[in-house]
Amino acid sequence: MMAGATVTVDEVRKGQRATGPATVLAIGTATPANCVYQADYPDYYFRITKSDHLTDLKEKFKRMC
């Protein structure tokens, strides 16, 4: 332990804070281009992935959702 190196709580907090302006980069949209209800999602997912022929897997996926 270092003797004589006394640090106050204010000094510790000051060291943890940023001193300049903060910059936030956000790219995206607030509203999605499409909206799919949870009950319809398995049908939607299997349709867009062209996996409609996997009926047993689709039924299992419906139970999971």
PDB file of N, CA and C in Angstrom:
ATOM      1  N   MET A   1       0.842  -1.173   0.000  1.00  0.00           N
ATOM      2  CA  MET A   1       0.000   0.000   0.000  1.00  0.00           C
ATOM      3  C   MET A   1       0.886   1.235   0.000  1.00  0.00           C
ATOM      4  N   MET A   2       0.492   2.233  -0.754  1.00  0.00           N
ATOM      5  CA  MET A   2       1.296   3.446  -0.875  1.00  0.00           C
ATOM      6  C   MET A   2       0.929   4.422   0.238  1.00  0.00           C
ATOM      7  N   ALA A   3       1.909   4.810   0.977  1.00  0.00           N
ATOM      8  CA  ALA A   3       1.677   5.782   2.033  1.00  0.00           C
ATOM      9  C   ALA A   3       1.834   7.181   1.458  1.00  0.00           C
ATOM     10  N   GLY A   4       0.979   8.076   1.846  1.00  0.00           N
ATOM     11  CA  GLY A   4       1.087   9.462   1.422  1.00  0.00           C
ATOM     12  C   GLY A   4       0.390   9.759   0.096  1.00  0.00           C
ATOM     13  N   ALA A   5      -0.115   8.759  -0.592  1.00  0.00           N
ATOM     14  CA  ALA A   5      -0.820   8.984  -1.864  1.00  0.00           C
ATOM     15  C   ALA A   5      -2.316   8.982  -1.584  1.00  0.00           C
ATOM     16  N   THR A   6      -2.788  10.061  -1.000  1.00  0.00           N
ATOM     17  CA  THR A   6      -4.190  10.162  -0.640  1.00  0.00           C
ATOM     18  C   THR A   6      -4.985  10.714  -1.815  1.00  0.00           C
ATOM     19  N   VAL A   7      -6.025  10.004  -2.161  1.00  0.00           N
ATOM     20  CA  VAL A   7      -6.880  10.417  -3.274  1.00  0.00           C
ATOM     21  C   VAL A   7      -8.283  10.593  -2.728  1.00  0.00           C
ATOM     22  N   THR A   8      -8.878  11.724  -3.044  1.00  0.00           N
ATOM     23  CA  THR A   8     -10.233  11.971  -2.568  1.00  0.00           C
ATOM     24  C   THR A   8     -11.238  11.331  -3.521  1.00  0.00           C
ATOM     25  N   VAL A   9     -12.441  11.177  -3.046  1.00  0.00           N
ATOM     26  CA  VAL A   9     -13.518  10.611  -3.859  1.00  0.00           C
ATOM     27  C   VAL A   9     -13.784  11.500  -5.065  1.00  0.00           C
ATOM     28  N   ASP A  10     -13.731  12.809  -4.881  1.00  0.00           N
ATOM     29  CA  ASP A  10     -13.953  13.736  -5.998  1.00  0.00           C
ATOM     30  C   ASP A  10     -12.904  13.562  -7.097  1.00  0.00           C
ATOM     31  N   GLU A  11     -11.665  13.324  -6.712  1.00  0.00           N
ATOM     32  CA  GLU A  11     -10.608  13.120  -7.713  1.00  0.00           C
ATOM     33  C   GLU A  11     -10.823  11.828  -8.498  1.00  0.00           C
ATOM     34  N   VAL A  12     -11.279  10.801  -7.818  1.00  0.00           N
ATOM     35  CA  VAL A  12     -11.555   9.533  -8.494  1.00  0.00           C
ATOM     36  C   VAL A  12     -12.707   9.711  -9.473  1.00  0.00           C
ATOM     37  N   ARG A  13     -13.764  10.358  -9.040  1.00  0.00           N
ATOM     38  CA  ARG A  13     -14.917  10.578  -9.919  1.00  0.00           C
ATOM     39  C   ARG A  13     -14.559  11.466 -11.103  1.00  0.00           C
ATOM     40  N   LYS A  14     -13.732  12.460 -10.868  1.00  0.00           N
ATOM     41  CA  LYS A  14     -13.311  13.348 -11.958  1.00  0.00           C
ATOM     42  C   LYS A  14     -12.501  12.567 -12.986  1.00  0.00           C
ATOM     43  N   GLY A  15     -11.690  11.640 -12.547  1.00  0.00           N
ATOM     44  CA  GLY A  15     -10.902  10.813 -13.453  1.00  0.00           C
ATOM     45  C   GLY A  15     -11.743   9.842 -14.265  1.00  0.00           C
ATOM     46  N   GLN A  16     -12.921   9.495 -13.771  1.00  0.00           N
ATOM     47  CA  GLN A  16     -13.789   8.554 -14.460  1.00  0.00           C
ATOM     48  C   GLN A  16     -14.700   9.232 -15.474  1.00  0.00           C
ATOM     49  N   ARG A  17     -14.802  10.545 -15.428  1.00  0.00           N
ATOM     50  CA  ARG A  17     -15.697  11.277 -16.322  1.00  0.00           C
ATOM     51  C   ARG A  17     -14.975  11.728 -17.577  1.00  0.00           C
ATOM     52  N   ALA A  18     -15.739  11.861 -18.639  1.00  0.00           N
ATOM     53  CA  ALA A  18     -15.197  12.419 -19.872  1.00  0.00           C
ATOM     54  C   ALA A  18     -15.153  13.931 -19.734  1.00  0.00           C
ATOM     55  N   THR A  19     -14.177  14.538 -20.359  1.00  0.00           N
ATOM     56  CA  THR A  19     -14.047  15.989 -20.239  1.00  0.00           C
ATOM     57  C   THR A  19     -14.566  16.720 -21.462  1.00  0.00           C
ATOM     58  N   GLY A  20     -14.638  16.060 -22.603  1.00  0.00           N
ATOM     59  CA  GLY A  20     -15.087  16.711 -23.832  1.00  0.00           C
ATOM     60  C   GLY A  20     -16.522  16.335 -24.166  1.00  0.00           C
ATOM     61  N   PRO A  21     -16.981  16.834 -25.312  1.00  0.00           N
ATOM     62  CA  PRO A  21     -18.351  16.508 -25.716  1.00  0.00           C
ATOM     63  C   PRO A  21     -18.455  15.040 -26.144  1.00  0.00           C
ATOM     64  N   ALA A  22     -19.585  14.458 -25.884  1.00  0.00           N
ATOM     65  CA  ALA A  22     -19.820  13.068 -26.266  1.00  0.00           C
ATOM     66  C   ALA A  22     -20.416  13.020 -27.662  1.00  0.00           C
ATOM     67  N   THR A  23     -20.048  12.016 -28.408  1.00  0.00           N
ATOM     68  CA  THR A  23     -20.571  11.840 -29.755  1.00  0.00           C
ATOM     69  C   THR A  23     -21.235  10.480 -29.838  1.00  0.00           C
ATOM     70  N   VAL A  24     -22.447  10.469 -30.374  1.00  0.00           N
ATOM     71  CA  VAL A  24     -23.182   9.228 -30.543  1.00  0.00           C
ATOM     72  C   VAL A  24     -23.491   9.068 -32.021  1.00  0.00           C
ATOM     73  N   LEU A  25     -23.134   7.935 -32.576  1.00  0.00           N
ATOM     74  CA  LEU A  25     -23.421   7.648 -33.970  1.00  0.00           C
ATOM     75  C   LEU A  25     -24.499   6.580 -34.003  1.00  0.00           C
ATOM     76  N   ALA A  26     -25.630   6.920 -34.552  1.00  0.00           N
ATOM     77  CA  ALA A  26     -26.735   5.973 -34.649  1.00  0.00           C
ATOM     78  C   ALA A  26     -27.251   5.969 -36.074  1.00  0.00           C
ATOM     79  N   ILE A  27     -27.255   4.794 -36.663  1.00  0.00           N
ATOM     80  CA  ILE A  27     -27.761   4.647 -38.018  1.00  0.00           C
ATOM     81  C   ILE A  27     -28.887   3.621 -37.970  1.00  0.00           C
ATOM     82  N   GLY A  28     -30.027   3.988 -38.459  1.00  0.00           N
ATOM     83  CA  GLY A  28     -31.147   3.060 -38.472  1.00  0.00           C
ATOM     84  C   GLY A  28     -32.444   3.804 -38.683  1.00  0.00           C
ATOM     85  N   THR A  29     -33.513   3.067 -38.561  1.00  0.00           N
ATOM     86  CA  THR A  29     -34.830   3.673 -38.701  1.00  0.00           C
ATOM     87  C   THR A  29     -35.626   3.417 -37.434  1.00  0.00           C
ATOM     88  N   ALA A  30     -36.514   4.319 -37.145  1.00  0.00           N
ATOM     89  CA  ALA A  30     -37.329   4.189 -35.944  1.00  0.00           C
ATOM     90  C   ALA A  30     -38.459   3.192 -36.157  1.00  0.00           C
ATOM     91  N   THR A  31     -38.920   3.076 -37.375  1.00  0.00           N
ATOM     92  CA  THR A  31     -40.005   2.144 -37.666  1.00  0.00           C
ATOM     93  C   THR A  31     -39.521   1.121 -38.691  1.00  0.00           C
ATOM     94  N   PRO A  32     -39.784  -0.140 -38.446  1.00  0.00           N
ATOM     95  CA  PRO A  32     -39.322  -1.162 -39.389  1.00  0.00           C
ATOM     96  C   PRO A  32     -40.084  -1.098 -40.709  1.00  0.00           C
ATOM     97  N   ALA A  33     -39.450  -1.583 -41.750  1.00  0.00           N
ATOM     98  CA  ALA A  33     -40.090  -1.581 -43.068  1.00  0.00           C
ATOM     99  C   ALA A  33     -41.265  -2.550 -43.110  1.00  0.00           C
ATOM    100  N   ASN A  34     -41.184  -3.610 -42.335  1.00  0.00           N
ATOM    101  CA  ASN A  34     -42.294  -4.558 -42.275  1.00  0.00           C
ATOM    102  C   ASN A  34     -42.517  -4.960 -40.825  1.00  0.00           C
ATOM    103  N   CYS A  35     -43.720  -5.378 -40.547  1.00  0.00           N
ATOM    104  CA  CYS A  35     -44.085  -5.786 -39.190  1.00  0.00           C
ATOM    105  C   CYS A  35     -44.771  -7.140 -39.295  1.00  0.00           C
ATOM    106  N   VAL A  36     -44.310  -8.102 -38.512  1.00  0.00           N
ATOM    107  CA  VAL A  36     -44.877  -9.445 -38.554  1.00  0.00           C
ATOM    108  C   VAL A  36     -45.323  -9.802 -37.142  1.00  0.00           C
ATOM    109  N   TYR A  37     -46.575 -10.206 -37.015  1.00  0.00           N
ATOM    110  CA  TYR A  37     -47.075 -10.636 -35.715  1.00  0.00           C
ATOM    111  C   TYR A  37     -46.394 -11.940 -35.307  1.00  0.00           C
ATOM    112  N   GLN A  38     -46.258 -12.137 -34.006  1.00  0.00           N
ATOM    113  CA  GLN A  38     -45.548 -13.313 -33.516  1.00  0.00           C
ATOM    114  C   GLN A  38     -46.228 -14.603 -33.964  1.00  0.00           C
ATOM    115  N   ALA A  39     -47.552 -14.627 -33.977  1.00  0.00           N
ATOM    116  CA  ALA A  39     -48.277 -15.830 -34.393  1.00  0.00           C
ATOM    117  C   ALA A  39     -48.039 -16.145 -35.868  1.00  0.00           C
ATOM    118  N   ASP A  40     -47.792 -15.132 -36.679  1.00  0.00           N
ATOM    119  CA  ASP A  40     -47.573 -15.323 -38.113  1.00  0.00           C
ATOM    120  C   ASP A  40     -46.100 -15.479 -38.470  1.00  0.00           C
ATOM    121  N   TYR A  41     -45.218 -15.307 -37.506  1.00  0.00           N
ATOM    122  CA  TYR A  41     -43.786 -15.307 -37.809  1.00  0.00           C
ATOM    123  C   TYR A  41     -43.276 -16.621 -38.399  1.00  0.00           C
ATOM    124  N   PRO A  42     -43.649 -17.791 -37.865  1.00  0.00           N
ATOM    125  CA  PRO A  42     -43.143 -19.031 -38.476  1.00  0.00           C
ATOM    126  C   PRO A  42     -43.506 -19.146 -39.959  1.00  0.00           C
ATOM    127  N   ASP A  43     -44.747 -18.819 -40.314  1.00  0.00           N
ATOM    128  CA  ASP A  43     -45.146 -18.866 -41.725  1.00  0.00           C
ATOM    129  C   ASP A  43     -44.327 -17.878 -42.543  1.00  0.00           C
ATOM    130  N   TYR A  44     -44.143 -16.680 -42.014  1.00  0.00           N
ATOM    131  CA  TYR A  44     -43.360 -15.649 -42.702  1.00  0.00           C
ATOM    132  C   TYR A  44     -41.911 -16.107 -42.891  1.00  0.00           C
ATOM    133  N   TYR A  45     -41.310 -16.621 -41.820  1.00  0.00           N
ATOM    134  CA  TYR A  45     -39.904 -17.027 -41.875  1.00  0.00           C
ATOM    135  C   TYR A  45     -39.678 -18.147 -42.892  1.00  0.00           C
ATOM    136  N   PHE A  46     -40.534 -19.164 -42.836  1.00  0.00           N
ATOM    137  CA  PHE A  46     -40.359 -20.286 -43.754  1.00  0.00           C
ATOM    138  C   PHE A  46     -40.666 -19.886 -45.197  1.00  0.00           C
ATOM    139  N   ARG A  47     -41.516 -18.899 -45.397  1.00  0.00           N
ATOM    140  CA  ARG A  47     -41.809 -18.431 -46.749  1.00  0.00           C
ATOM    141  C   ARG A  47     -40.621 -17.666 -47.327  1.00  0.00           C
ATOM    142  N   ILE A  48     -40.019 -16.751 -46.546  1.00  0.00           N
ATOM    143  CA  ILE A  48     -38.926 -15.943 -47.090  1.00  0.00           C
ATOM    144  C   ILE A  48     -37.638 -16.741 -47.247  1.00  0.00           C
ATOM    145  N   THR A  49     -37.507 -17.836 -46.489  1.00  0.00           N
ATOM    146  CA  THR A  49     -36.314 -18.673 -46.639  1.00  0.00           C
ATOM    147  C   THR A  49     -36.546 -19.830 -47.602  1.00  0.00           C
ATOM    148  N   LYS A  50     -37.720 -19.836 -48.228  1.00  0.00           N
ATOM    149  CA  LYS A  50     -38.074 -20.890 -49.195  1.00  0.00           C
ATOM    150  C   LYS A  50     -37.928 -22.279 -48.575  1.00  0.00           C
ATOM    151  N   SER A  51     -38.442 -22.411 -47.348  1.00  0.00           N
ATOM    152  CA  SER A  51     -38.355 -23.680 -46.624  1.00  0.00           C
ATOM    153  C   SER A  51     -39.737 -24.220 -46.282  1.00  0.00           C
ATOM    154  N   ASP A  52     -40.744 -23.868 -47.075  1.00  0.00           N
ATOM    155  CA  ASP A  52     -42.110 -24.324 -46.794  1.00  0.00           C
ATOM    156  C   ASP A  52     -42.242 -25.841 -46.847  1.00  0.00           C
ATOM    157  N   HIS A  53     -41.353 -26.510 -47.539  1.00  0.00           N
ATOM    158  CA  HIS A  53     -41.433 -27.962 -47.669  1.00  0.00           C
ATOM    159  C   HIS A  53     -41.031 -28.681 -46.373  1.00  0.00           C
ATOM    160  N   LEU A  54     -40.435 -27.980 -45.428  1.00  0.00           N
ATOM    161  CA  LEU A  54     -40.017 -28.579 -44.154  1.00  0.00           C
ATOM    162  C   LEU A  54     -41.138 -28.442 -43.129  1.00  0.00           C
ATOM    163  N   THR A  55     -42.243 -29.147 -43.353  1.00  0.00           N
ATOM    164  CA  THR A  55     -43.436 -28.968 -42.520  1.00  0.00           C
ATOM    165  C   THR A  55     -43.221 -29.414 -41.084  1.00  0.00           C
ATOM    166  N   ASP A  56     -42.477 -30.513 -40.865  1.00  0.00           N
ATOM    167  CA  ASP A  56     -42.253 -30.969 -39.490  1.00  0.00           C
ATOM    168  C   ASP A  56     -41.432 -29.959 -38.693  1.00  0.00           C
ATOM    169  N   LEU A  57     -40.434 -29.380 -39.332  1.00  0.00           N
ATOM    170  CA  LEU A  57     -39.621 -28.359 -38.676  1.00  0.00           C
ATOM    171  C   LEU A  57     -40.432 -27.082 -38.433  1.00  0.00           C
ATOM    172  N   LYS A  58     -41.312 -26.777 -39.368  1.00  0.00           N
ATOM    173  CA  LYS A  58     -42.158 -25.589 -39.237  1.00  0.00           C
ATOM    174  C   LYS A  58     -43.097 -25.728 -38.035  1.00  0.00           C
ATOM    175  N   GLU A  59     -43.661 -26.902 -37.836  1.00  0.00           N
ATOM    176  CA  GLU A  59     -44.548 -27.131 -36.688  1.00  0.00           C
ATOM    177  C   GLU A  59     -43.773 -27.019 -35.371  1.00  0.00           C
ATOM    178  N   LYS A  60     -42.560 -27.531 -35.349  1.00  0.00           N
ATOM    179  CA  LYS A  60     -41.726 -27.417 -34.144  1.00  0.00           C
ATOM    180  C   LYS A  60     -41.397 -25.953 -33.868  1.00  0.00           C
ATOM    181  N   PHE A  61     -41.107 -25.209 -34.918  1.00  0.00           N
ATOM    182  CA  PHE A  61     -40.807 -23.786 -34.790  1.00  0.00           C
ATOM    183  C   PHE A  61     -42.018 -23.019 -34.262  1.00  0.00           C
ATOM    184  N   LYS A  62     -43.211 -23.403 -34.703  1.00  0.00           N
ATOM    185  CA  LYS A  62     -44.442 -22.758 -34.212  1.00  0.00           C
ATOM    186  C   LYS A  62     -44.613 -22.994 -32.717  1.00  0.00           C
ATOM    187  N   ARG A  63     -44.293 -24.190 -32.251  1.00  0.00           N
ATOM    188  CA  ARG A  63     -44.411 -24.476 -30.815  1.00  0.00           C
ATOM    189  C   ARG A  63     -43.407 -23.665 -30.002  1.00  0.00           C
ATOM    190  N   MET A  64     -42.230 -23.433 -30.564  1.00  0.00           N
ATOM    191  CA  MET A  64     -41.202 -22.657 -29.864  1.00  0.00           C
ATOM    192  C   MET A  64     -41.580 -21.182 -29.775  1.00  0.00           C
ATOM    193  N   CYS A  65     -42.221 -20.662 -30.800  1.00  0.00           N
ATOM    194  CA  CYS A  65     -42.609 -19.249 -30.792  1.00  0.00           C
ATOM    195  C   CYS A  65     -43.829 -19.124 -29.971  1.00  0.00           C
TER     196      CYS A  65
END
